[in-house]
Amino acid sequence: QVQLVESGGGLVQPGGSLRLSCAASGSIFGSYTVGWYRQAPGKQREWVAAITSGGSTNYADFLKGRFSISRANDKNTVYLQMHSLKPEDTAVYYCSAGRVFGSWNYWGQGTQVTVSS
């Protein structure tokens, strides 16, 4: 069993940066692919980024290089570094974990990111 806890969300001005963390319980976390998703009010949840157990990364096209995903397996944590934030990045951000991308076994409770002046 793996439990995921997101943190690091908050209110930031347009153009600012935030780093989200996804902390996991369970020693098997290092063998899992981890993804970040987001859901804005009134919209469907959308995929943002993912990182495999080996450190390979993939990003949604709309990010245009503004976000970066990384992991520290010794800390059972995956990070999402977000730069040049825009109001349209406002959403609840969730992390997920699974053996295979898209087949997520575990989800966190989400952390709110609000980009506003």
N, C-alpha and C. Protein backbone atom coordinates (compact mmCIF):
# COMPACT_ATOMS: atom_id res chain seq x y z
N GLN A 1 0.84 -1.19 0.00
CA GLN A 1 0.00 0.00 0.00
C GLN A 1 0.88 1.24 0.00
N VAL A 2 0.51 2.20 -0.83
CA VAL A 2 1.24 3.47 -0.92
C VAL A 2 0.26 4.60 -0.64
N GLN A 3 0.65 5.51 0.21
CA GLN A 3 -0.13 6.72 0.45
C GLN A 3 0.65 7.91 -0.07
N LEU A 4 -0.04 8.79 -0.76
CA LEU A 4 0.58 9.97 -1.37
C LEU A 4 0.04 11.23 -0.72
N VAL A 5 0.94 12.15 -0.40
CA VAL A 5 0.53 13.41 0.20
C VAL A 5 1.21 14.55 -0.56
N GLU A 6 0.39 15.39 -1.18
CA GLU A 6 0.92 16.55 -1.90
C GLU A 6 1.04 17.74 -0.95
N SER A 7 2.01 18.59 -1.24
CA SER A 7 2.17 19.83 -0.48
C SER A 7 2.87 20.85 -1.37
N GLY A 8 2.91 22.09 -0.89
CA GLY A 8 3.62 23.14 -1.60
C GLY A 8 2.74 24.08 -2.39
N GLY A 9 1.45 23.81 -2.43
CA GLY A 9 0.56 24.71 -3.13
C GLY A 9 0.37 26.02 -2.38
N GLY A 10 -0.30 26.95 -3.04
CA GLY A 10 -0.55 28.23 -2.40
C GLY A 10 -0.93 29.28 -3.42
N LEU A 11 -0.89 30.51 -2.98
CA LEU A 11 -1.21 31.66 -3.83
C LEU A 11 0.09 32.27 -4.33
N VAL A 12 0.18 32.48 -5.63
CA VAL A 12 1.37 33.07 -6.22
C VAL A 12 0.94 34.05 -7.31
N GLN A 13 1.74 35.07 -7.51
CA GLN A 13 1.43 36.05 -8.55
C GLN A 13 1.80 35.52 -9.92
N PRO A 14 1.16 36.00 -10.95
CA PRO A 14 1.55 35.60 -12.31
C PRO A 14 3.04 35.86 -12.54
N GLY A 15 3.67 34.88 -13.19
CA GLY A 15 5.11 34.95 -13.41
C GLY A 15 5.93 34.35 -12.31
N GLY A 16 5.30 33.99 -11.21
CA GLY A 16 6.00 33.43 -10.07
C GLY A 16 6.26 31.94 -10.22
N SER A 17 6.85 31.38 -9.17
CA SER A 17 7.22 29.96 -9.17
C SER A 17 6.73 29.28 -7.90
N LEU A 18 6.50 27.99 -8.01
CA LEU A 18 6.16 27.15 -6.88
C LEU A 18 6.80 25.78 -7.09
N ARG A 19 7.08 25.11 -6.00
CA ARG A 19 7.51 23.72 -6.09
C ARG A 19 6.57 22.86 -5.27
N LEU A 20 5.92 21.95 -5.97
CA LEU A 20 5.03 21.00 -5.31
C LEU A 20 5.81 19.73 -4.96
N SER A 21 5.40 19.12 -3.87
CA SER A 21 6.00 17.86 -3.45
C SER A 21 4.93 16.79 -3.34
N CYS A 22 5.31 15.59 -3.67
CA CYS A 22 4.45 14.42 -3.51
C CYS A 22 5.23 13.42 -2.67
N ALA A 23 4.88 13.33 -1.41
CA ALA A 23 5.58 12.44 -0.49
C ALA A 23 4.82 11.13 -0.36
N ALA A 24 5.54 10.04 -0.43
CA ALA A 24 4.90 8.73 -0.40
C ALA A 24 5.37 7.90 0.77
N SER A 25 4.46 7.11 1.27
CA SER A 25 4.81 6.11 2.26
C SER A 25 5.03 4.80 1.53
N GLY A 26 5.84 3.94 2.06
CA GLY A 26 6.05 2.64 1.42
C GLY A 26 7.35 2.58 0.65
N SER A 27 8.12 1.56 0.90
CA SER A 27 9.44 1.44 0.29
C SER A 27 9.39 1.12 -1.19
N ILE A 28 8.23 0.68 -1.69
CA ILE A 28 8.16 0.31 -3.09
C ILE A 28 7.97 1.51 -4.00
N PHE A 29 7.86 2.69 -3.42
CA PHE A 29 7.59 3.89 -4.21
C PHE A 29 8.63 4.09 -5.29
N GLY A 30 9.87 3.75 -5.00
CA GLY A 30 10.94 3.95 -5.96
C GLY A 30 10.78 3.17 -7.25
N SER A 31 9.98 2.15 -7.23
CA SER A 31 9.76 1.34 -8.42
C SER A 31 8.55 1.78 -9.23
N TYR A 32 7.89 2.83 -8.80
CA TYR A 32 6.66 3.29 -9.44
C TYR A 32 6.90 4.48 -10.36
N THR A 33 6.13 4.55 -11.41
CA THR A 33 5.99 5.76 -12.20
C THR A 33 5.07 6.71 -11.46
N VAL A 34 5.41 7.98 -11.46
CA VAL A 34 4.61 8.98 -10.75
C VAL A 34 4.16 10.06 -11.73
N GLY A 35 2.93 10.42 -11.63
CA GLY A 35 2.39 11.45 -12.49
C GLY A 35 1.81 12.61 -11.70
N TRP A 36 1.79 13.77 -12.34
CA TRP A 36 1.08 14.93 -11.80
C TRP A 36 -0.08 15.25 -12.73
N TYR A 37 -1.21 15.52 -12.14
CA TYR A 37 -2.40 15.94 -12.85
C TYR A 37 -2.91 17.23 -12.20
N ARG A 38 -3.81 17.89 -12.91
CA ARG A 38 -4.45 19.06 -12.31
C ARG A 38 -5.90 19.13 -12.76
N GLN A 39 -6.68 19.77 -11.92
CA GLN A 39 -8.09 19.96 -12.25
C GLN A 39 -8.50 21.35 -11.84
N ALA A 40 -8.89 22.13 -12.83
CA ALA A 40 -9.38 23.48 -12.60
C ALA A 40 -10.89 23.43 -12.39
N PRO A 41 -11.45 24.43 -11.72
CA PRO A 41 -12.90 24.44 -11.48
C PRO A 41 -13.68 24.32 -12.78
N GLY A 42 -14.61 23.41 -12.81
CA GLY A 42 -15.46 23.24 -13.97
C GLY A 42 -14.81 22.53 -15.15
N LYS A 43 -13.60 22.04 -14.96
CA LYS A 43 -12.90 21.36 -16.05
C LYS A 43 -12.52 19.94 -15.65
N GLN A 44 -12.22 19.15 -16.67
CA GLN A 44 -11.80 17.78 -16.41
C GLN A 44 -10.35 17.76 -15.91
N ARG A 45 -10.03 16.72 -15.19
CA ARG A 45 -8.65 16.55 -14.74
C ARG A 45 -7.76 16.32 -15.96
N GLU A 46 -6.60 16.97 -16.00
CA GLU A 46 -5.70 16.81 -17.12
C GLU A 46 -4.31 16.44 -16.63
N TRP A 47 -3.64 15.67 -17.46
CA TRP A 47 -2.30 15.23 -17.13
C TRP A 47 -1.31 16.36 -17.35
N VAL A 48 -0.31 16.45 -16.47
CA VAL A 48 0.68 17.51 -16.53
C VAL A 48 2.08 16.95 -16.86
N ALA A 49 2.52 15.97 -16.08
CA ALA A 49 3.88 15.45 -16.24
C ALA A 49 3.97 14.09 -15.59
N ALA A 50 5.01 13.35 -15.95
CA ALA A 50 5.23 12.03 -15.34
C ALA A 50 6.72 11.73 -15.32
N ILE A 51 7.10 10.88 -14.37
CA ILE A 51 8.49 10.45 -14.27
C ILE A 51 8.49 8.96 -13.93
N THR A 52 9.32 8.21 -14.65
CA THR A 52 9.40 6.77 -14.40
C THR A 52 10.33 6.47 -13.24
N SER A 53 10.37 5.21 -12.85
CA SER A 53 11.27 4.81 -11.78
C SER A 53 12.73 5.06 -12.15
N GLY A 54 13.02 5.01 -13.43
CA GLY A 54 14.38 5.25 -13.89
C GLY A 54 14.72 6.71 -14.13
N GLY A 55 13.73 7.58 -13.95
CA GLY A 55 13.99 9.01 -14.09
C GLY A 55 13.64 9.61 -15.44
N SER A 56 13.08 8.82 -16.34
CA SER A 56 12.64 9.38 -17.61
C SER A 56 11.40 10.25 -17.39
N THR A 57 11.37 11.38 -18.07
CA THR A 57 10.28 12.34 -17.86
C THR A 57 9.49 12.60 -19.13
N ASN A 58 8.28 13.04 -18.93
CA ASN A 58 7.42 13.39 -20.05
C ASN A 58 6.47 14.49 -19.59
N TYR A 59 6.13 15.40 -20.51
CA TYR A 59 5.34 16.56 -20.14
C TYR A 59 4.22 16.80 -21.14
N ALA A 60 3.15 17.40 -20.64
CA ALA A 60 2.06 17.82 -21.51
C ALA A 60 2.56 18.94 -22.41
N ASP A 61 2.13 18.92 -23.65
CA ASP A 61 2.61 19.90 -24.64
C ASP A 61 2.31 21.33 -24.24
N PHE A 62 1.19 21.55 -23.56
CA PHE A 62 0.79 22.93 -23.28
C PHE A 62 1.72 23.61 -22.27
N LEU A 63 2.58 22.84 -21.59
CA LEU A 63 3.45 23.45 -20.58
C LEU A 63 4.57 24.28 -21.20
N LYS A 64 5.00 23.92 -22.38
CA LYS A 64 6.03 24.69 -23.10
C LYS A 64 7.27 24.91 -22.24
N GLY A 65 7.67 23.89 -21.51
CA GLY A 65 8.92 23.95 -20.78
C GLY A 65 8.89 24.69 -19.47
N ARG A 66 7.71 25.08 -19.00
CA ARG A 66 7.65 25.86 -17.77
C ARG A 66 7.75 25.02 -16.51
N PHE A 67 7.40 23.75 -16.60
CA PHE A 67 7.41 22.87 -15.42
C PHE A 67 8.50 21.83 -15.56
N SER A 68 8.95 21.34 -14.40
CA SER A 68 9.97 20.28 -14.38
C SER A 68 9.65 19.28 -13.28
N ILE A 69 9.66 18.01 -13.64
CA ILE A 69 9.39 16.96 -12.65
C ILE A 69 10.68 16.25 -12.30
N SER A 70 10.84 15.91 -11.05
CA SER A 70 12.03 15.20 -10.60
C SER A 70 11.65 14.32 -9.41
N ARG A 71 12.56 13.43 -9.04
CA ARG A 71 12.26 12.57 -7.90
C ARG A 71 13.51 12.33 -7.06
N ALA A 72 13.28 12.12 -5.78
CA ALA A 72 14.33 11.77 -4.83
C ALA A 72 13.87 10.49 -4.16
N ASN A 73 14.30 9.37 -4.70
CA ASN A 73 13.82 8.09 -4.18
C ASN A 73 14.26 7.85 -2.74
N ASP A 74 15.39 8.43 -2.34
CA ASP A 74 15.84 8.25 -0.96
C ASP A 74 14.91 8.96 0.02
N LYS A 75 14.14 9.92 -0.50
CA LYS A 75 13.18 10.65 0.32
C LYS A 75 11.74 10.26 0.00
N ASN A 76 11.59 9.28 -0.91
CA ASN A 76 10.23 8.87 -1.33
C ASN A 76 9.40 10.07 -1.76
N THR A 77 10.00 10.96 -2.53
CA THR A 77 9.33 12.21 -2.90
C THR A 77 9.54 12.52 -4.37
N VAL A 78 8.49 13.00 -5.00
CA VAL A 78 8.55 13.51 -6.37
C VAL A 78 8.16 14.99 -6.31
N TYR A 79 8.86 15.78 -7.10
CA TYR A 79 8.67 17.22 -7.11
C TYR A 79 8.13 17.69 -8.45
N LEU A 80 7.38 18.77 -8.43
CA LEU A 80 6.97 19.45 -9.64
C LEU A 80 7.34 20.92 -9.47
N GLN A 81 8.40 21.31 -10.16
CA GLN A 81 8.85 22.71 -10.12
C GLN A 81 8.12 23.47 -11.21
N MET A 82 7.45 24.54 -10.82
CA MET A 82 6.64 25.29 -11.76
C MET A 82 7.17 26.72 -11.84
N HIS A 83 7.44 27.17 -13.05
CA HIS A 83 7.92 28.52 -13.29
C HIS A 83 6.96 29.26 -14.21
N SER A 84 7.12 30.59 -14.25
CA SER A 84 6.33 31.44 -15.16
C SER A 84 4.84 31.10 -15.07
N LEU A 85 4.36 31.02 -13.86
CA LEU A 85 2.97 30.61 -13.65
C LEU A 85 2.00 31.62 -14.22
N LYS A 86 0.89 31.10 -14.74
CA LYS A 86 -0.15 31.91 -15.35
C LYS A 86 -1.45 31.68 -14.61
N PRO A 87 -2.37 32.62 -14.69
CA PRO A 87 -3.67 32.41 -14.04
C PRO A 87 -4.35 31.11 -14.47
N GLU A 88 -4.14 30.70 -15.72
CA GLU A 88 -4.75 29.46 -16.19
C GLU A 88 -4.11 28.21 -15.60
N ASP A 89 -3.03 28.37 -14.85
CA ASP A 89 -2.44 27.23 -14.13
C ASP A 89 -3.15 26.99 -12.80
N THR A 90 -4.08 27.87 -12.44
CA THR A 90 -4.83 27.69 -11.21
C THR A 90 -5.63 26.40 -11.26
N ALA A 91 -5.42 25.56 -10.26
CA ALA A 91 -6.07 24.24 -10.23
C ALA A 91 -5.68 23.53 -8.94
N VAL A 92 -6.36 22.44 -8.68
CA VAL A 92 -5.90 21.49 -7.68
C VAL A 92 -4.96 20.52 -8.37
N TYR A 93 -3.78 20.37 -7.82
CA TYR A 93 -2.77 19.49 -8.41
C TYR A 93 -2.70 18.19 -7.61
N TYR A 94 -2.74 17.09 -8.34
CA TYR A 94 -2.72 15.76 -7.74
C TYR A 94 -1.52 14.97 -8.23
N CYS A 95 -0.97 14.15 -7.36
CA CYS A 95 0.02 13.20 -7.83
C CYS A 95 -0.57 11.79 -7.79
N SER A 96 -0.03 10.95 -8.64
CA SER A 96 -0.51 9.58 -8.77
C SER A 96 0.69 8.66 -8.93
N ALA A 97 0.51 7.41 -8.60
CA ALA A 97 1.60 6.45 -8.71
C ALA A 97 1.07 5.11 -9.21
N GLY A 98 1.88 4.46 -10.02
CA GLY A 98 1.50 3.16 -10.53
C GLY A 98 2.68 2.47 -11.18
N ARG A 99 2.52 1.21 -11.47
CA ARG A 99 3.60 0.45 -12.11
C ARG A 99 3.81 0.90 -13.55
N VAL A 100 2.71 1.32 -14.18
CA VAL A 100 2.75 1.71 -15.59
C VAL A 100 2.06 3.04 -15.75
N PHE A 101 2.59 3.89 -16.61
CA PHE A 101 1.96 5.18 -16.87
C PHE A 101 0.52 4.99 -17.31
N GLY A 102 -0.35 5.74 -16.69
CA GLY A 102 -1.76 5.69 -17.05
C GLY A 102 -2.55 4.66 -16.28
N SER A 103 -1.88 3.74 -15.66
CA SER A 103 -2.55 2.73 -14.84
C SER A 103 -2.21 3.04 -13.39
N TRP A 104 -2.89 4.04 -12.87
CA TRP A 104 -2.54 4.57 -11.56
C TRP A 104 -3.25 3.80 -10.47
N ASN A 105 -2.45 3.33 -9.54
CA ASN A 105 -2.99 2.59 -8.41
C ASN A 105 -3.31 3.49 -7.22
N TYR A 106 -2.60 4.63 -7.15
CA TYR A 106 -2.72 5.47 -5.97
C TYR A 106 -2.82 6.94 -6.37
N TRP A 107 -3.59 7.68 -5.59
CA TRP A 107 -3.76 9.12 -5.79
C TRP A 107 -3.63 9.83 -4.46
N GLY A 108 -3.09 11.05 -4.54
CA GLY A 108 -3.07 11.90 -3.37
C GLY A 108 -4.36 12.70 -3.26
N GLN A 109 -4.43 13.52 -2.23
CA GLN A 109 -5.66 14.29 -1.98
C GLN A 109 -5.67 15.62 -2.69
N GLY A 110 -4.52 16.02 -3.23
CA GLY A 110 -4.44 17.26 -3.99
C GLY A 110 -3.95 18.44 -3.17
N THR A 111 -3.37 19.42 -3.88
CA THR A 111 -2.94 20.67 -3.26
C THR A 111 -3.35 21.81 -4.20
N GLN A 112 -3.90 22.85 -3.62
CA GLN A 112 -4.44 23.96 -4.41
C GLN A 112 -3.33 24.92 -4.82
N VAL A 113 -3.31 25.24 -6.09
CA VAL A 113 -2.43 26.28 -6.62
C VAL A 113 -3.30 27.38 -7.20
N THR A 114 -3.09 28.59 -6.74
CA THR A 114 -3.85 29.73 -7.23
C THR A 114 -2.87 30.78 -7.73
N VAL A 115 -3.03 31.14 -8.99
CA VAL A 115 -2.16 32.15 -9.61
C VAL A 115 -3.01 33.39 -9.85
N SER A 116 -2.72 34.43 -9.10
CA SER A 116 -3.54 35.63 -9.16
C SER A 116 -2.76 36.81 -8.61
N SER A 117 -3.05 37.97 -9.18
CA SER A 117 -2.44 39.20 -8.67
C SER A 117 -3.35 39.84 -7.62
